[in-house]
Amino acid sequence: MTSSVPPPDATRTLADTVANLPRVPEPLLDETMPDPFVLRLTAASPGGARTAGLWLMATTNDQPFAFRLYRFDGSRWVPHLKDGRHCALFPEGRIPAWWNAGELDPLSPGLPRDLVVARWAPEIDVRHGLLTLHYTARDRAGILRSAYATATAIDGEWTDHGFLDINVRVKDLAPGYPGGPAGENPVVGMIDGHVAAAVDAQGTERTFLLTKVDGNGLQWTDPVTGQRHKAPTPILSHEFRQESDGRITLLGPAKVLLTNGPHHDGLIEGQFVVHENGPSYLVYSAGFFGNAEYRTYIAKLDLLAHEVRDERLLIDSQSPALGGRWNGPGHPSFVRVGEGLHAMYLHVWRNGTDYSKDGDQRRAIQLHVAFRDLEGRPCEPFLVEERFSTPA
């Protein structure tokens, strides 16, 4: 297949993308990039023309900074420098005081340090002249929290607002929990904050924060039957409004959007909402993050009715889109690049590596999901690199 120079992202078509498919996806950066998040800012976005373009950030675990910024220069991703230094949303020396400094998770005290000192899954919502960062961090009691910060430019000063009081307790998830070292009814971690919006029948836009209850972090043995149990991992929807100073006010109790089933291998997480052709879609991952079990699903979503349906697998380790080089595709984010066409960014493991023996070696790659066919007709979403792949 011959390739030509593709048009700018904002006007790309499915035919353009198919004509330029790589035989094997290459990592965006030769760096560890878990939970990659990409967004496009425009001249009308907070920050103005100076910050217009594509930006990338990712989980940073136990680094002394959190959420370094990378910018696309037209051909490749490069570190964004400020005053000669690689810019991070939370630079070294400016980490919020409430963040974990090595305190153990009370539910899983045996976790390695990179999972204990957690700075995970950054995402930026652009709304009402403000940038809002939603992220996960563990507090000084070792509990995973969904938190947020605001700024008026992506590389500017970020004001941290702390964590939202949305964590649930074990017995809300698993009434039969017999208690353990963390107590009879301990608090469960909350991770992976993602903002989505929907317009109601009155024409009012309503905003929702979707979070995942980290129930997979709690396992126990039934004292009577000896059966091993793991708490469920529902994805919750919290309606909210945001004040002019950036602070978030929750509107009523959370609703359950989706709970993991037997085919999810114990958990769902990494949720992202895509709006296209009228419907909304929930894209999310399942399975153990650290090897080839990790995979990604897509389902139709009605945010206002708190309903998810028609789930199907979008990509797993056997997908030809990975070119035989990668496995464990998950925790996606999306950027619209054309009519009915989205770039999907997700992390993968290079074949032959996994978390248990290599530590965190996840790389970020880009694939594409189309919601229209080559003739421009609306269709069920599909992975472009899988449908049009050629043998590597």
Foldseek 3Di string as FASTA:
>chain_A
DAADDADFLQAGDLVNCLRDADQAFDFLDQAQFALKAKEADAQPFQVHHVQGAIKIWFWDQPDLFGTFIWGDPPPGIDFDDDPRHRFGLQDRPRPDPFFAPQAAAQQARPDDRSVQQTWGNWDWDTDDQKIKIWTWGAGNNSAIFIWIWIDRHPRDHIGTPGGDPAWDWQCVQPVPDPADRCGRIDTFHKGNWDKDWDADPVRDIWIKIKIKGVQQSHWDADPPPRDIDTTKIFIKIWIWDADPVGDIDTDDHIDTLDIDDPVQARYKGLWDWDDAPHWIKIKIWGDDQWDQRIFMKIFTDDNVVSYTDDIDGADGQPFSLNQPFWGRWGNWYWDRRHHQKIKIKTWTHTPPGTCVPPNRSIGITIWMWGQADPVRHGDHIHTSCRVSHDHD
